[in-house]
Amino acid sequence: MEILLVVAAIAIYKWYDYCKKNRSVGILDWEKLKYYKYYKCLPDSEIRQLMNKGFFTDWEATRKFREKNKH
């Protein structure tokens, strides 16, 4: 019985650690994401780094991006 408890605890910890490292980040500005992904051709790893830093949810960065890319 104790073995099952230990295995369950390890499985829960591994799942928690995986979710913590690969967390889903909400995106406020899809235009900005598409620009960096498709026009700048950033790899997914760099996009993930920008997401984790909050670049796509930061209102100030979004404002600067829109001012810079006005048509």
N, C-alpha and C. Protein backbone atom coordinates (compact mmCIF):
# COMPACT_ATOMS: atom_id res chain seq x y z
N MET A 1 0.82 -1.19 0.00
CA MET A 1 0.00 0.00 0.00
C MET A 1 0.87 1.25 0.00
N GLU A 2 1.94 1.23 0.79
CA GLU A 2 2.82 2.39 0.85
C GLU A 2 3.50 2.64 -0.49
N ILE A 3 3.77 1.56 -1.22
CA ILE A 3 4.43 1.69 -2.52
C ILE A 3 3.51 2.44 -3.48
N LEU A 4 2.22 2.13 -3.46
CA LEU A 4 1.27 2.84 -4.32
C LEU A 4 1.19 4.31 -3.95
N LEU A 5 1.23 4.61 -2.68
CA LEU A 5 1.20 6.00 -2.22
C LEU A 5 2.44 6.75 -2.70
N VAL A 6 3.60 6.13 -2.61
CA VAL A 6 4.84 6.75 -3.07
C VAL A 6 4.81 6.96 -4.58
N VAL A 7 4.37 5.96 -5.31
CA VAL A 7 4.28 6.07 -6.78
C VAL A 7 3.30 7.18 -7.16
N ALA A 8 2.17 7.26 -6.48
CA ALA A 8 1.18 8.31 -6.76
C ALA A 8 1.77 9.69 -6.45
N ALA A 9 2.48 9.80 -5.34
CA ALA A 9 3.09 11.09 -4.98
C ALA A 9 4.13 11.51 -6.02
N ILE A 10 4.94 10.57 -6.48
CA ILE A 10 5.94 10.88 -7.51
C ILE A 10 5.26 11.30 -8.81
N ALA A 11 4.21 10.60 -9.19
CA ALA A 11 3.49 10.93 -10.42
C ALA A 11 2.86 12.32 -10.33
N ILE A 12 2.28 12.64 -9.19
CA ILE A 12 1.68 13.97 -9.01
C ILE A 12 2.75 15.04 -9.05
N TYR A 13 3.88 14.80 -8.41
CA TYR A 13 4.97 15.77 -8.44
C TYR A 13 5.49 15.99 -9.86
N LYS A 14 5.69 14.90 -10.61
CA LYS A 14 6.17 15.01 -12.00
C LYS A 14 5.17 15.80 -12.85
N TRP A 15 3.88 15.53 -12.68
CA TRP A 15 2.85 16.25 -13.42
C TRP A 15 2.84 17.73 -13.06
N TYR A 16 2.93 18.03 -11.77
CA TYR A 16 2.98 19.42 -11.30
C TYR A 16 4.20 20.14 -11.87
N ASP A 17 5.35 19.50 -11.83
CA ASP A 17 6.59 20.10 -12.34
C ASP A 17 6.48 20.35 -13.84
N TYR A 18 5.92 19.41 -14.58
CA TYR A 18 5.73 19.57 -16.02
C TYR A 18 4.80 20.75 -16.31
N CYS A 19 3.70 20.84 -15.59
CA CYS A 19 2.75 21.93 -15.81
C CYS A 19 3.35 23.28 -15.43
N LYS A 20 4.17 23.30 -14.41
CA LYS A 20 4.81 24.55 -13.98
C LYS A 20 5.78 25.05 -15.05
N LYS A 21 6.53 24.14 -15.66
CA LYS A 21 7.50 24.53 -16.68
C LYS A 21 6.82 24.89 -18.00
N ASN A 22 5.71 24.25 -18.31
CA ASN A 22 5.03 24.45 -19.59
C ASN A 22 3.66 25.08 -19.39
N ARG A 23 3.61 26.06 -18.54
CA ARG A 23 2.32 26.65 -18.22
C ARG A 23 1.74 27.38 -19.41
N SER A 24 0.45 27.43 -19.44
CA SER A 24 -0.26 28.15 -20.49
C SER A 24 -0.35 29.61 -20.09
N VAL A 25 0.02 30.46 -21.00
CA VAL A 25 0.02 31.89 -20.73
C VAL A 25 -1.06 32.53 -21.59
N GLY A 26 -1.89 33.33 -20.99
CA GLY A 26 -2.91 34.01 -21.77
C GLY A 26 -2.28 35.07 -22.66
N ILE A 27 -2.81 35.22 -23.85
CA ILE A 27 -2.27 36.19 -24.79
C ILE A 27 -3.32 37.27 -25.00
N LEU A 28 -2.92 38.52 -24.79
CA LEU A 28 -3.85 39.62 -24.98
C LEU A 28 -3.79 40.17 -26.39
N ASP A 29 -2.65 40.10 -27.03
CA ASP A 29 -2.48 40.70 -28.34
C ASP A 29 -2.07 39.65 -29.36
N TRP A 30 -3.04 39.10 -30.07
CA TRP A 30 -2.77 38.05 -31.05
C TRP A 30 -2.05 38.61 -32.27
N GLU A 31 -2.28 39.90 -32.61
CA GLU A 31 -1.58 40.51 -33.74
C GLU A 31 -0.08 40.49 -33.51
N LYS A 32 0.31 40.83 -32.29
CA LYS A 32 1.73 40.86 -31.95
C LYS A 32 2.33 39.46 -32.02
N LEU A 33 1.60 38.47 -31.54
CA LEU A 33 2.08 37.09 -31.60
C LEU A 33 2.27 36.65 -33.04
N LYS A 34 1.28 36.92 -33.88
CA LYS A 34 1.38 36.54 -35.29
C LYS A 34 2.54 37.24 -35.98
N TYR A 35 2.75 38.51 -35.65
CA TYR A 35 3.84 39.27 -36.26
C TYR A 35 5.19 38.62 -35.95
N TYR A 36 5.42 38.32 -34.69
CA TYR A 36 6.71 37.74 -34.30
C TYR A 36 6.85 36.29 -34.77
N LYS A 37 5.75 35.56 -34.83
CA LYS A 37 5.83 34.16 -35.23
C LYS A 37 5.98 33.99 -36.74
N TYR A 38 5.19 34.75 -37.51
CA TYR A 38 5.16 34.51 -38.96
C TYR A 38 6.01 35.48 -39.78
N TYR A 39 6.10 36.75 -39.36
CA TYR A 39 6.88 37.71 -40.14
C TYR A 39 8.33 37.77 -39.68
N LYS A 40 8.55 37.68 -38.39
CA LYS A 40 9.91 37.66 -37.86
C LYS A 40 10.48 36.24 -37.82
N CYS A 41 9.61 35.24 -37.98
CA CYS A 41 9.99 33.81 -38.02
C CYS A 41 10.78 33.38 -36.79
N LEU A 42 10.33 33.81 -35.62
CA LEU A 42 10.98 33.36 -34.39
C LEU A 42 10.62 31.90 -34.14
N PRO A 43 11.57 31.11 -33.66
CA PRO A 43 11.25 29.72 -33.34
C PRO A 43 10.34 29.65 -32.11
N ASP A 44 9.68 28.52 -31.96
CA ASP A 44 8.74 28.35 -30.85
C ASP A 44 9.40 28.53 -29.49
N SER A 45 10.67 28.14 -29.37
CA SER A 45 11.35 28.28 -28.08
C SER A 45 11.48 29.76 -27.70
N GLU A 46 11.77 30.63 -28.66
CA GLU A 46 11.88 32.06 -28.36
C GLU A 46 10.51 32.67 -28.10
N ILE A 47 9.50 32.20 -28.83
CA ILE A 47 8.13 32.67 -28.57
C ILE A 47 7.73 32.30 -27.15
N ARG A 48 8.05 31.08 -26.73
CA ARG A 48 7.73 30.63 -25.36
C ARG A 48 8.45 31.49 -24.33
N GLN A 49 9.71 31.87 -24.59
CA GLN A 49 10.44 32.74 -23.67
C GLN A 49 9.76 34.10 -23.56
N LEU A 50 9.33 34.65 -24.70
CA LEU A 50 8.62 35.93 -24.67
C LEU A 50 7.30 35.80 -23.90
N MET A 51 6.61 34.68 -24.09
CA MET A 51 5.36 34.46 -23.37
C MET A 51 5.60 34.40 -21.86
N ASN A 52 6.63 33.67 -21.47
CA ASN A 52 6.92 33.52 -20.04
C ASN A 52 7.34 34.83 -19.41
N LYS A 53 7.94 35.72 -20.20
CA LYS A 53 8.32 37.04 -19.68
C LYS A 53 7.13 38.00 -19.65
N GLY A 54 6.01 37.58 -20.22
CA GLY A 54 4.82 38.41 -20.21
C GLY A 54 4.75 39.41 -21.35
N PHE A 55 5.53 39.21 -22.39
CA PHE A 55 5.59 40.16 -23.50
C PHE A 55 4.25 40.32 -24.20
N PHE A 56 3.50 39.24 -24.35
CA PHE A 56 2.23 39.31 -25.06
C PHE A 56 1.07 39.69 -24.16
N THR A 57 1.30 39.85 -22.88
CA THR A 57 0.26 40.29 -21.96
C THR A 57 0.57 41.65 -21.36
N ASP A 58 1.70 42.23 -21.71
CA ASP A 58 2.12 43.52 -21.17
C ASP A 58 1.51 44.64 -22.01
N TRP A 59 0.68 45.47 -21.39
CA TRP A 59 0.01 46.55 -22.11
C TRP A 59 1.00 47.58 -22.64
N GLU A 60 2.03 47.87 -21.88
CA GLU A 60 3.03 48.86 -22.31
C GLU A 60 3.77 48.37 -23.55
N ALA A 61 4.18 47.12 -23.56
CA ALA A 61 4.87 46.56 -24.72
C ALA A 61 3.93 46.53 -25.93
N THR A 62 2.66 46.26 -25.70
CA THR A 62 1.69 46.26 -26.79
C THR A 62 1.52 47.67 -27.36
N ARG A 63 1.47 48.67 -26.50
CA ARG A 63 1.34 50.05 -26.97
C ARG A 63 2.53 50.45 -27.81
N LYS A 64 3.74 50.13 -27.34
CA LYS A 64 4.96 50.45 -28.10
C LYS A 64 4.98 49.71 -29.43
N PHE A 65 4.55 48.47 -29.43
CA PHE A 65 4.50 47.68 -30.66
C PHE A 65 3.55 48.32 -31.67
N ARG A 66 2.39 48.74 -31.22
CA ARG A 66 1.40 49.33 -32.13
C ARG A 66 1.88 50.68 -32.66
N GLU A 67 2.54 51.49 -31.81
CA GLU A 67 3.07 52.77 -32.29
C GLU A 67 4.15 52.55 -33.34
N LYS A 68 4.98 51.58 -33.11
CA LYS A 68 6.09 51.29 -34.02
C LYS A 68 5.58 50.75 -35.36
N ASN A 69 4.50 49.99 -35.35
CA ASN A 69 4.01 49.32 -36.55
C ASN A 69 2.73 49.92 -37.10
N LYS A 70 2.54 51.23 -36.91
CA LYS A 70 1.36 51.87 -37.50
C LYS A 70 1.52 51.92 -39.00
N HIS A 71 0.42 51.77 -39.67
CA HIS A 71 0.45 51.78 -41.14
C HIS A 71 0.01 53.12 -41.65
